[in-house]
Amino acid sequence: MASLKSIKLKIQSYKKTGTVTHAMEAVSAVKMRKSQERALGSRAYAAAALTVLEKLAGTADLGRHPLMRVREGKTAVVVVTSDKGLAGSLNSGVIRKAETFVNSLDKKDAVIFALGRRGGDYFASRGFEMGLNKTNVSDAISEGDVAEITKLIIEREDISSVVVVYQNFISTFEQTPTVHQIVPITPLNARKIVEGIRPVKGKYAPLGTPESSTKAAAYTIEPDADSVLAELLPKLINIAIFHAILENKSSEHSARMVAMKSATDKAKEMAHTLTRRFNKVRQAAITREVSEITSGIEAMR
């Protein structure tokens, strides 16, 4: 039977652990609310920009642009994970999704652009070609910061397609690992991304009927198609990657808050169970001592 001292030390250990996890839960809750508002607030902008991209795909001049043409080359896999753990299955879900996609290609045809330490370490340790391994991705990352990453991908002539893998934020208790192909730009790819960004209902839901946002439009491009597309298409691709990062950040803090709450509840439960055990052991010890004293008195009579 465990000693009273060892049980008491375990109780103190669980209480300290509970205090730490509760503090981490509170911090994650604050970050979660900020990240959620930022991700949800950007959905309308991202959906509108990608809808423009979808409509532009119906313009004949766009078919000649390299970003909209299916061609031979490597696939850039943008894997968005967190730098830290303690977030449940958040990172493992993204990594499994990315690995499943990468396994469908030849290893030499995949270039990993990792945003977050967890994904970067995983794929680098397995010998994949790393186009980028960016860590310490701030919660306050801006679209301008992401533009540098987009430029790095686009400037590589050996890359013909781009896929982004991240956790899509559904609710505080639900996040879904998601894969989106954003290059080559096609109406189908743009439509899938927009559908993933726009919630079915609520203030961020799309206005009008779904059909109205999927009709291709013919545009007259001035001054010329090449100049406009050289500016427009990278920006639209940048928006898709930027929004994936925001969604993943929101999912990260939500998952960490839920994980820390579960850890706090479990620590309290274990401390309560050990306290009851401590009381039983102490009561047994007191009863034994009383019995010994009583027996000694009886023997002296």
C-alpha atoms as a PDB file:
ATOM      1  CA  MET A   1       0.000   0.000   0.000  1.00  0.00           C
ATOM      2  CA  ALA A   2       1.311   3.418  -0.925  1.00  0.00           C
ATOM      3  CA  SER A   3       2.500   5.618   1.908  1.00  0.00           C
ATOM      4  CA  LEU A   4       0.634   8.769   2.942  1.00  0.00           C
ATOM      5  CA  LYS A   5       3.613  10.881   1.901  1.00  0.00           C
ATOM      6  CA  SER A   6       3.747   9.491  -1.648  1.00  0.00           C
ATOM      7  CA  ILE A   7      -0.016   9.971  -2.110  1.00  0.00           C
ATOM      8  CA  LYS A   8       0.202  13.526  -0.811  1.00  0.00           C
ATOM      9  CA  LEU A   9       3.040  14.308  -3.246  1.00  0.00           C
ATOM     10  CA  LYS A  10       0.953  12.959  -6.131  1.00  0.00           C
ATOM     11  CA  ILE A  11      -2.009  15.121  -5.084  1.00  0.00           C
ATOM     12  CA  GLN A  12       0.198  18.216  -5.003  1.00  0.00           C
ATOM     13  CA  SER A  13       1.644  17.294  -8.410  1.00  0.00           C
ATOM     14  CA  TYR A  14      -1.805  16.958 -10.018  1.00  0.00           C
ATOM     15  CA  LYS A  15      -2.965  20.235  -8.464  1.00  0.00           C
ATOM     16  CA  LYS A  16       0.091  22.067  -9.831  1.00  0.00           C
ATOM     17  CA  THR A  17      -0.463  20.508 -13.256  1.00  0.00           C
ATOM     18  CA  GLY A  18      -4.113  21.584 -13.140  1.00  0.00           C
ATOM     19  CA  THR A  19      -3.088  25.150 -12.292  1.00  0.00           C
ATOM     20  CA  VAL A  20      -0.732  25.290 -15.277  1.00  0.00           C
ATOM     21  CA  THR A  21      -3.218  23.766 -17.747  1.00  0.00           C
ATOM     22  CA  HIS A  22      -5.973  26.072 -16.496  1.00  0.00           C
ATOM     23  CA  ALA A  23      -3.741  29.101 -17.137  1.00  0.00           C
ATOM     24  CA  MET A  24      -2.912  27.777 -20.618  1.00  0.00           C
ATOM     25  CA  GLU A  25      -6.633  27.239 -21.247  1.00  0.00           C
ATOM     26  CA  ALA A  26      -7.370  30.870 -20.335  1.00  0.00           C
ATOM     27  CA  VAL A  27      -4.587  32.182 -22.596  1.00  0.00           C
ATOM     28  CA  SER A  28      -5.728  29.991 -25.490  1.00  0.00           C
ATOM     29  CA  ALA A  29      -9.335  31.174 -25.007  1.00  0.00           C
ATOM     30  CA  VAL A  30      -8.289  34.809 -25.471  1.00  0.00           C
ATOM     31  CA  LYS A  31      -6.137  33.995 -28.505  1.00  0.00           C
ATOM     32  CA  MET A  32      -8.900  31.803 -29.904  1.00  0.00           C
ATOM     33  CA  ARG A  33     -11.461  34.612 -29.825  1.00  0.00           C
ATOM     34  CA  LYS A  34      -9.081  37.004 -31.597  1.00  0.00           C
ATOM     35  CA  SER A  35      -8.096  34.416 -34.205  1.00  0.00           C
ATOM     36  CA  GLN A  36     -11.693  33.403 -34.823  1.00  0.00           C
ATOM     37  CA  GLU A  37     -12.794  36.987 -35.403  1.00  0.00           C
ATOM     38  CA  ARG A  38      -9.880  37.562 -37.768  1.00  0.00           C
ATOM     39  CA  ALA A  39     -10.468  34.347 -39.709  1.00  0.00           C
ATOM     40  CA  LEU A  40     -14.228  34.794 -39.896  1.00  0.00           C
ATOM     41  CA  GLY A  41     -13.913  38.483 -40.728  1.00  0.00           C
ATOM     42  CA  SER A  42     -11.605  37.710 -43.654  1.00  0.00           C
ATOM     43  CA  ARG A  43     -13.897  35.071 -45.102  1.00  0.00           C
ATOM     44  CA  ALA A  44     -16.085  37.556 -46.978  1.00  0.00           C
ATOM     45  CA  TYR A  45     -13.014  39.263 -48.498  1.00  0.00           C
ATOM     46  CA  ALA A  46     -11.323  35.984 -49.404  1.00  0.00           C
ATOM     47  CA  ALA A  47     -14.519  34.546 -50.874  1.00  0.00           C
ATOM     48  CA  ALA A  48     -15.121  37.694 -52.945  1.00  0.00           C
ATOM     49  CA  ALA A  49     -11.551  37.689 -54.278  1.00  0.00           C
ATOM     50  CA  LEU A  50     -11.715  34.015 -55.179  1.00  0.00           C
ATOM     51  CA  THR A  51     -15.097  34.519 -56.813  1.00  0.00           C
ATOM     52  CA  VAL A  52     -13.471  37.141 -59.068  1.00  0.00           C
ATOM     53  CA  LEU A  53     -10.801  34.550 -59.825  1.00  0.00           C
ATOM     54  CA  GLU A  54     -13.479  31.993 -60.625  1.00  0.00           C
ATOM     55  CA  LYS A  55     -15.274  34.380 -62.992  1.00  0.00           C
ATOM     56  CA  LEU A  56     -12.036  35.440 -64.673  1.00  0.00           C
ATOM     57  CA  ALA A  57     -11.388  31.795 -65.449  1.00  0.00           C
ATOM     58  CA  GLY A  58     -14.065  32.088 -68.118  1.00  0.00           C
ATOM     59  CA  THR A  59     -12.043  34.683 -70.038  1.00  0.00           C
ATOM     60  CA  ALA A  60     -10.345  33.273 -73.102  1.00  0.00           C
ATOM     61  CA  ASP A  61      -7.075  35.196 -72.592  1.00  0.00           C
ATOM     62  CA  LEU A  62      -6.490  33.561 -69.225  1.00  0.00           C
ATOM     63  CA  GLY A  63      -5.995  30.110 -70.655  1.00  0.00           C
ATOM     64  CA  ARG A  64      -2.559  31.104 -71.921  1.00  0.00           C
ATOM     65  CA  HIS A  65      -1.251  32.208 -68.512  1.00  0.00           C
ATOM     66  CA  PRO A  66       1.202  29.719 -66.863  1.00  0.00           C
ATOM     67  CA  LEU A  67      -0.733  29.773 -63.562  1.00  0.00           C
ATOM     68  CA  MET A  68      -3.900  28.644 -65.325  1.00  0.00           C
ATOM     69  CA  ARG A  69      -2.374  26.074 -67.651  1.00  0.00           C
ATOM     70  CA  VAL A  70      -1.919  22.400 -66.826  1.00  0.00           C
ATOM     71  CA  ARG A  71       1.728  21.549 -67.475  1.00  0.00           C
ATOM     72  CA  GLU A  72       4.465  19.166 -66.399  1.00  0.00           C
ATOM     73  CA  GLY A  73       6.452  19.924 -63.274  1.00  0.00           C
ATOM     74  CA  LYS A  74       6.673  19.544 -59.520  1.00  0.00           C
ATOM     75  CA  THR A  75       3.895  20.120 -57.005  1.00  0.00           C
ATOM     76  CA  ALA A  76       4.384  22.644 -54.205  1.00  0.00           C
ATOM     77  CA  VAL A  77       2.632  21.336 -51.086  1.00  0.00           C
ATOM     78  CA  VAL A  78       2.050  24.189 -48.610  1.00  0.00           C
ATOM     79  CA  VAL A  79       1.639  22.484 -45.218  1.00  0.00           C
ATOM     80  CA  VAL A  80       0.254  24.778 -42.496  1.00  0.00           C
ATOM     81  CA  THR A  81       0.784  23.527 -38.929  1.00  0.00           C
ATOM     82  CA  SER A  82       1.592  25.068 -35.544  1.00  0.00           C
ATOM     83  CA  ASP A  83       4.985  25.665 -33.961  1.00  0.00           C
ATOM     84  CA  LYS A  84       3.886  24.229 -30.614  1.00  0.00           C
ATOM     85  CA  GLY A  85       2.090  21.096 -29.490  1.00  0.00           C
ATOM     86  CA  LEU A  86      -0.527  20.536 -26.785  1.00  0.00           C
ATOM     87  CA  ALA A  87      -3.272  21.060 -29.372  1.00  0.00           C
ATOM     88  CA  GLY A  88      -4.775  17.595 -29.561  1.00  0.00           C
ATOM     89  CA  SER A  89      -4.813  16.018 -33.020  1.00  0.00           C
ATOM     90  CA  LEU A  90      -4.566  19.356 -34.845  1.00  0.00           C
ATOM     91  CA  ASN A  91      -1.098  18.875 -36.339  1.00  0.00           C
ATOM     92  CA  SER A  92      -1.290  15.117 -36.800  1.00  0.00           C
ATOM     93  CA  GLY A  93      -4.491  15.536 -38.816  1.00  0.00           C
ATOM     94  CA  VAL A  94      -2.863  18.029 -41.203  1.00  0.00           C
ATOM     95  CA  ILE A  95       0.321  15.967 -41.500  1.00  0.00           C
ATOM     96  CA  ARG A  96      -1.628  12.772 -42.259  1.00  0.00           C
ATOM     97  CA  LYS A  97      -3.673  14.592 -44.890  1.00  0.00           C
ATOM     98  CA  ALA A  98      -0.551  16.064 -46.483  1.00  0.00           C
ATOM     99  CA  GLU A  99       1.286  12.729 -46.358  1.00  0.00           C
ATOM    100  CA  THR A 100      -1.632  10.951 -48.032  1.00  0.00           C
ATOM    101  CA  PHE A 101      -1.555  13.499 -50.844  1.00  0.00           C
ATOM    102  CA  VAL A 102       2.244  13.407 -51.186  1.00  0.00           C
ATOM    103  CA  ASN A 103       2.194   9.590 -51.319  1.00  0.00           C
ATOM    104  CA  SER A 104      -0.032   9.853 -54.392  1.00  0.00           C
ATOM    105  CA  LEU A 105       2.909  11.560 -56.157  1.00  0.00           C
ATOM    106  CA  ASP A 106       6.480  10.509 -56.772  1.00  0.00           C
ATOM    107  CA  LYS A 107       8.627  11.743 -53.905  1.00  0.00           C
ATOM    108  CA  LYS A 108      10.853  13.665 -56.327  1.00  0.00           C
ATOM    109  CA  ASP A 109       7.823  15.530 -57.690  1.00  0.00           C
ATOM    110  CA  ALA A 110       6.828  17.061 -54.321  1.00  0.00           C
ATOM    111  CA  VAL A 111       8.310  20.221 -52.829  1.00  0.00           C
ATOM    112  CA  ILE A 112       7.245  20.961 -49.246  1.00  0.00           C
ATOM    113  CA  PHE A 113       6.660  24.554 -48.168  1.00  0.00           C
ATOM    114  CA  ALA A 114       6.153  24.169 -44.418  1.00  0.00           C
ATOM    115  CA  LEU A 115       4.585  26.981 -42.391  1.00  0.00           C
ATOM    116  CA  GLY A 116       5.009  25.865 -38.771  1.00  0.00           C
ATOM    117  CA  ARG A 117       7.648  23.817 -36.966  1.00  0.00           C
ATOM    118  CA  ARG A 118       5.626  20.609 -36.618  1.00  0.00           C
ATOM    119  CA  GLY A 119       5.051  20.035 -40.312  1.00  0.00           C
ATOM    120  CA  GLY A 120       8.521  21.244 -41.277  1.00  0.00           C
ATOM    121  CA  ASP A 121      10.302  18.884 -38.871  1.00  0.00           C
ATOM    122  CA  TYR A 122       8.148  15.941 -39.959  1.00  0.00           C
ATOM    123  CA  PHE A 123       8.775  16.200 -43.692  1.00  0.00           C
ATOM    124  CA  ALA A 124      12.407  17.366 -43.411  1.00  0.00           C
ATOM    125  CA  SER A 125      13.273  14.329 -41.289  1.00  0.00           C
ATOM    126  CA  ARG A 126      11.832  12.057 -44.003  1.00  0.00           C
ATOM    127  CA  GLY A 127      13.994  13.408 -46.775  1.00  0.00           C
ATOM    128  CA  PHE A 128      11.488  15.465 -48.727  1.00  0.00           C
ATOM    129  CA  GLU A 129      12.673  18.438 -50.751  1.00  0.00           C
ATOM    130  CA  MET A 130      12.014  21.534 -48.640  1.00  0.00           C
ATOM    131  CA  GLY A 131      11.248  24.698 -50.573  1.00  0.00           C
ATOM    132  CA  LEU A 132      10.631  26.555 -47.295  1.00  0.00           C
ATOM    133  CA  ASN A 133      10.656  25.679 -43.614  1.00  0.00           C
ATOM    134  CA  LYS A 134       9.239  28.725 -41.837  1.00  0.00           C
ATOM    135  CA  THR A 135       8.840  28.649 -38.057  1.00  0.00           C
ATOM    136  CA  ASN A 136       7.521  31.113 -35.472  1.00  0.00           C
ATOM    137  CA  VAL A 137       4.564  32.108 -37.632  1.00  0.00           C
ATOM    138  CA  SER A 138       2.961  34.972 -35.704  1.00  0.00           C
ATOM    139  CA  ASP A 139      -0.756  35.218 -34.959  1.00  0.00           C
ATOM    140  CA  ALA A 140      -0.552  38.742 -36.377  1.00  0.00           C
ATOM    141  CA  ILE A 141       0.854  37.595 -39.732  1.00  0.00           C
ATOM    142  CA  SER A 142      -0.183  39.926 -42.544  1.00  0.00           C
ATOM    143  CA  GLU A 143      -1.011  39.383 -46.181  1.00  0.00           C
ATOM    144  CA  GLY A 144       2.241  41.168 -47.030  1.00  0.00           C
ATOM    145  CA  ASP A 145       4.218  38.550 -45.095  1.00  0.00           C
ATOM    146  CA  VAL A 146       2.482  35.778 -47.022  1.00  0.00           C
ATOM    147  CA  ALA A 147       3.233  37.554 -50.325  1.00  0.00           C
ATOM    148  CA  GLU A 148       6.914  36.711 -49.860  1.00  0.00           C
ATOM    149  CA  ILE A 149       6.018  33.022 -49.603  1.00  0.00           C
ATOM    150  CA  THR A 150       3.744  33.206 -52.653  1.00  0.00           C
ATOM    151  CA  LYS A 151       6.468  34.943 -54.649  1.00  0.00           C
ATOM    152  CA  LEU A 152       8.975  32.251 -53.685  1.00  0.00           C
ATOM    153  CA  ILE A 153       6.619  29.558 -55.013  1.00  0.00           C
ATOM    154  CA  ILE A 154       5.648  31.339 -58.232  1.00  0.00           C
ATOM    155  CA  GLU A 155       9.239  32.241 -59.154  1.00  0.00           C
ATOM    156  CA  ARG A 156      10.264  28.582 -59.238  1.00  0.00           C
ATOM    157  CA  GLU A 157       9.932  27.549 -62.871  1.00  0.00           C
ATOM    158  CA  ASP A 158       9.989  23.824 -62.036  1.00  0.00           C
ATOM    159  CA  ILE A 159       6.734  24.092 -60.022  1.00  0.00           C
ATOM    160  CA  SER A 160       3.572  23.636 -62.076  1.00  0.00           C
ATOM    161  CA  SER A 161       0.930  23.147 -59.365  1.00  0.00           C
ATOM    162  CA  VAL A 162       0.314  24.313 -55.801  1.00  0.00           C
ATOM    163  CA  VAL A 163      -1.666  22.576 -53.067  1.00  0.00           C
ATOM    164  CA  VAL A 164      -2.363  23.946 -49.571  1.00  0.00           C
ATOM    165  CA  VAL A 165      -3.089  21.666 -46.589  1.00  0.00           C
ATOM    166  CA  TYR A 166      -4.451  23.129 -43.349  1.00  0.00           C
ATOM    167  CA  GLN A 167      -7.083  22.779 -40.605  1.00  0.00           C
ATOM    168  CA  ASN A 168     -10.319  24.428 -41.685  1.00  0.00           C
ATOM    169  CA  PHE A 169     -12.156  26.068 -38.772  1.00  0.00           C
ATOM    170  CA  ILE A 170     -15.739  24.838 -38.413  1.00  0.00           C
ATOM    171  CA  SER A 171     -16.439  25.620 -34.755  1.00  0.00           C
ATOM    172  CA  THR A 172     -14.660  25.738 -31.404  1.00  0.00           C
ATOM    173  CA  PHE A 173     -14.987  21.972 -31.064  1.00  0.00           C
ATOM    174  CA  GLU A 174     -14.670  20.991 -34.722  1.00  0.00           C
ATOM    175  CA  GLN A 175     -11.846  21.500 -37.187  1.00  0.00           C
ATOM    176  CA  THR A 176     -11.353  19.597 -40.440  1.00  0.00           C
ATOM    177  CA  PRO A 177      -8.014  18.894 -42.170  1.00  0.00           C
ATOM    178  CA  THR A 178      -8.459  20.200 -45.702  1.00  0.00           C
ATOM    179  CA  VAL A 179      -6.584  19.964 -49.013  1.00  0.00           C
ATOM    180  CA  HIS A 180      -7.125  22.585 -51.741  1.00  0.00           C
ATOM    181  CA  GLN A 181      -5.403  22.813 -55.101  1.00  0.00           C
ATOM    182  CA  ILE A 182      -4.955  26.469 -56.019  1.00  0.00           C
ATOM    183  CA  VAL A 183      -2.645  26.183 -59.055  1.00  0.00           C
ATOM    184  CA  PRO A 184      -3.365  25.586 -61.890  1.00  0.00           C
ATOM    185  CA  ILE A 185      -6.269  28.001 -61.459  1.00  0.00           C
ATOM    186  CA  THR A 186      -9.471  26.495 -62.796  1.00  0.00           C
ATOM    187  CA  PRO A 187     -13.157  27.319 -62.235  1.00  0.00           C
ATOM    188  CA  LEU A 188     -13.583  24.023 -60.372  1.00  0.00           C
ATOM    189  CA  ASN A 189     -10.642  24.655 -58.009  1.00  0.00           C
ATOM    190  CA  ALA A 190     -11.795  28.216 -57.286  1.00  0.00           C
ATOM    191  CA  ARG A 191     -15.347  27.041 -56.620  1.00  0.00           C
ATOM    192  CA  LYS A 192     -14.175  24.400 -54.128  1.00  0.00           C
ATOM    193  CA  ILE A 193     -12.071  26.943 -52.235  1.00  0.00           C
ATOM    194  CA  VAL A 194     -14.954  29.434 -52.082  1.00  0.00           C
ATOM    195  CA  GLU A 195     -17.350  26.743 -50.847  1.00  0.00           C
ATOM    196  CA  GLY A 196     -14.881  25.841 -48.101  1.00  0.00           C
ATOM    197  CA  ILE A 197     -14.493  29.472 -47.016  1.00  0.00           C
ATOM    198  CA  ARG A 198     -18.152  30.475 -46.943  1.00  0.00           C
ATOM    199  CA  PRO A 199     -20.297  29.119 -44.074  1.00  0.00           C
ATOM    200  CA  VAL A 200     -23.774  27.887 -44.958  1.00  0.00           C
ATOM    201  CA  LYS A 201     -25.500  30.460 -42.764  1.00  0.00           C
ATOM    202  CA  GLY A 202     -24.738  33.466 -40.582  1.00  0.00           C
ATOM    203  CA  LYS A 203     -23.398  36.929 -41.280  1.00  0.00           C
ATOM    204  CA  TYR A 204     -20.458  35.520 -43.242  1.00  0.00           C
ATOM    205  CA  ALA A 205     -22.672  33.415 -45.513  1.00  0.00           C
ATOM    206  CA  PRO A 206     -22.779  34.388 -49.217  1.00  0.00           C
ATOM    207  CA  LEU A 207     -25.467  36.726 -50.509  1.00  0.00           C
ATOM    208  CA  GLY A 208     -27.715  35.648 -53.341  1.00  0.00           C
ATOM    209  CA  THR A 209     -28.079  32.208 -54.831  1.00  0.00           C
ATOM    210  CA  PRO A 210     -25.125  29.852 -55.261  1.00  0.00           C
ATOM    211  CA  GLU A 211     -25.645  29.835 -59.033  1.00  0.00           C
ATOM    212  CA  SER A 212     -25.029  33.573 -59.283  1.00  0.00           C
ATOM    213  CA  SER A 213     -21.463  33.206 -58.015  1.00  0.00           C
ATOM    214  CA  THR A 214     -20.503  30.376 -60.380  1.00  0.00           C
ATOM    215  CA  LYS A 215     -21.383  31.919 -63.742  1.00  0.00           C
ATOM    216  CA  ALA A 216     -18.307  32.669 -65.817  1.00  0.00           C
ATOM    217  CA  ALA A 217     -17.990  36.221 -67.071  1.00  0.00           C
ATOM    218  CA  ALA A 218     -16.231  37.609 -70.138  1.00  0.00           C
ATOM    219  CA  TYR A 219     -14.038  40.634 -69.324  1.00  0.00           C
ATOM    220  CA  THR A 220     -12.272  43.136 -71.532  1.00  0.00           C
ATOM    221  CA  ILE A 221      -8.818  43.445 -69.957  1.00  0.00           C
ATOM    222  CA  GLU A 222      -6.988  46.781 -70.145  1.00  0.00           C
ATOM    223  CA  PRO A 223      -4.224  47.739 -70.798  1.00  0.00           C
ATOM    224  CA  ASP A 224      -3.446  44.133 -71.796  1.00  0.00           C
ATOM    225  CA  ALA A 225      -4.054  40.660 -70.394  1.00  0.00           C
ATOM    226  CA  ASP A 226      -0.419  39.879 -69.534  1.00  0.00           C
ATOM    227  CA  SER A 227       0.080  43.023 -67.427  1.00  0.00           C
ATOM    228  CA  VAL A 228      -3.168  42.664 -65.499  1.00  0.00           C
ATOM    229  CA  LEU A 229      -2.814  38.934 -64.883  1.00  0.00           C
ATOM    230  CA  ALA A 230       0.804  39.302 -63.764  1.00  0.00           C
ATOM    231  CA  GLU A 231      -0.508  41.465 -60.888  1.00  0.00           C
ATOM    232  CA  LEU A 232      -3.908  39.899 -60.239  1.00  0.00           C
ATOM    233  CA  LEU A 233      -3.303  36.150 -60.234  1.00  0.00           C
ATOM    234  CA  PRO A 234      -0.428  36.131 -57.683  1.00  0.00           C
ATOM    235  CA  LYS A 235      -2.548  38.314 -55.366  1.00  0.00           C
ATOM    236  CA  LEU A 236      -5.499  35.943 -55.593  1.00  0.00           C
ATOM    237  CA  ILE A 237      -3.248  32.935 -54.917  1.00  0.00           C
ATOM    238  CA  ASN A 238      -1.751  34.863 -52.012  1.00  0.00           C
ATOM    239  CA  ILE A 239      -5.231  35.405 -50.553  1.00  0.00           C
ATOM    240  CA  ALA A 240      -5.951  31.664 -50.686  1.00  0.00           C
ATOM    241  CA  ILE A 241      -2.736  30.844 -48.769  1.00  0.00           C
ATOM    242  CA  PHE A 242      -3.217  33.728 -46.326  1.00  0.00           C
ATOM    243  CA  HIS A 243      -6.748  32.628 -45.490  1.00  0.00           C
ATOM    244  CA  ALA A 244      -5.547  29.035 -44.961  1.00  0.00           C
ATOM    245  CA  ILE A 245      -3.065  30.341 -42.365  1.00  0.00           C
ATOM    246  CA  LEU A 246      -5.803  32.332 -40.579  1.00  0.00           C
ATOM    247  CA  GLU A 247      -8.110  29.317 -40.523  1.00  0.00           C
ATOM    248  CA  ASN A 248      -5.339  27.127 -39.152  1.00  0.00           C
ATOM    249  CA  LYS A 249      -4.447  29.687 -36.451  1.00  0.00           C
ATOM    250  CA  SER A 250      -8.069  29.821 -35.334  1.00  0.00           C
ATOM    251  CA  SER A 251      -8.249  26.022 -35.307  1.00  0.00           C
ATOM    252  CA  GLU A 252      -4.967  25.802 -33.365  1.00  0.00           C
ATOM    253  CA  HIS A 253      -6.077  27.984 -30.480  1.00  0.00           C
ATOM    254  CA  SER A 254      -9.505  26.349 -30.369  1.00  0.00           C
ATOM    255  CA  ALA A 255      -7.994  22.864 -30.259  1.00  0.00           C
ATOM    256  CA  ARG A 256      -5.439  23.885 -27.618  1.00  0.00           C
ATOM    257  CA  MET A 257      -8.122  25.458 -25.419  1.00  0.00           C
ATOM    258  CA  VAL A 258     -10.234  22.281 -25.589  1.00  0.00           C
ATOM    259  CA  ALA A 259      -7.177  20.084 -24.928  1.00  0.00           C
ATOM    260  CA  MET A 260      -6.110  22.176 -21.927  1.00  0.00           C
ATOM    261  CA  LYS A 261      -9.659  22.144 -20.531  1.00  0.00           C
ATOM    262  CA  SER A 262      -9.709  18.358 -20.775  1.00  0.00           C
ATOM    263  CA  ALA A 263      -6.304  18.189 -19.063  1.00  0.00           C
ATOM    264  CA  THR A 264      -7.492  20.530 -16.275  1.00  0.00           C
ATOM    265  CA  ASP A 265     -10.640  18.464 -15.709  1.00  0.00           C
ATOM    266  CA  LYS A 266      -8.609  15.244 -15.638  1.00  0.00           C
ATOM    267  CA  ALA A 267      -6.100  16.711 -13.165  1.00  0.00           C
ATOM    268  CA  LYS A 268      -8.959  17.733 -10.865  1.00  0.00           C
ATOM    269  CA  GLU A 269     -10.492  14.294 -11.146  1.00  0.00           C
ATOM    270  CA  MET A 270      -7.199  12.554 -10.324  1.00  0.00           C
ATOM    271  CA  ALA A 271      -6.554  14.902  -7.381  1.00  0.00           C
ATOM    272  CA  HIS A 272     -10.062  14.172  -6.056  1.00  0.00           C
ATOM    273  CA  THR A 273      -9.568  10.408  -6.438  1.00  0.00           C
ATOM    274  CA  LEU A 274      -6.176  10.511  -4.701  1.00  0.00           C
ATOM    275  CA  THR A 275      -7.592  12.685  -1.904  1.00  0.00           C
ATOM    276  CA  ARG A 276     -10.237  10.047  -1.184  1.00  0.00           C
ATOM    277  CA  ARG A 277      -7.543   7.377  -1.263  1.00  0.00           C
ATOM    278  CA  PHE A 278      -5.365   9.468   1.067  1.00  0.00           C
ATOM    279  CA  ASN A 279      -8.240   9.804   3.538  1.00  0.00           C
ATOM    280  CA  LYS A 280      -8.915   6.055   3.457  1.00  0.00           C
ATOM    281  CA  VAL A 281      -5.245   5.202   4.045  1.00  0.00           C
ATOM    282  CA  ARG A 282      -5.011   7.760   6.844  1.00  0.00           C
ATOM    283  CA  GLN A 283      -8.209   6.469   8.456  1.00  0.00           C
ATOM    284  CA  ALA A 284      -6.910   2.905   8.235  1.00  0.00           C
ATOM    285  CA  ALA A 285      -3.658   3.997   9.887  1.00  0.00           C
ATOM    286  CA  ILE A 286      -5.550   5.801  12.689  1.00  0.00           C
ATOM    287  CA  THR A 287      -7.811   2.779  13.218  1.00  0.00           C
ATOM    288  CA  ARG A 288      -4.774   0.480  13.394  1.00  0.00           C
ATOM    289  CA  GLU A 289      -3.037   2.721  15.934  1.00  0.00           C
ATOM    290  CA  VAL A 290      -6.193   2.924  18.082  1.00  0.00           C
ATOM    291  CA  SER A 291      -6.495  -0.868  17.943  1.00  0.00           C
ATOM    292  CA  GLU A 292      -2.859  -1.272  19.020  1.00  0.00           C
ATOM    293  CA  ILE A 293      -3.329   1.152  21.926  1.00  0.00           C
ATOM    294  CA  THR A 294      -6.528  -0.586  22.991  1.00  0.00           C
ATOM    295  CA  SER A 295      -4.845  -4.001  22.767  1.00  0.00           C
ATOM    296  CA  GLY A 296      -1.918  -2.738  24.852  1.00  0.00           C
ATOM    297  CA  ILE A 297      -4.247  -1.400  27.555  1.00  0.00           C
ATOM    298  CA  GLU A 298      -6.133  -4.683  27.665  1.00  0.00           C
ATOM    299  CA  ALA A 299      -2.874  -6.621  27.935  1.00  0.00           C
ATOM    300  CA  MET A 300      -1.718  -4.486  30.884  1.00  0.00           C
ATOM    301  CA  ARG A 301      -4.852  -5.224  32.898  1.00  0.00           C
END
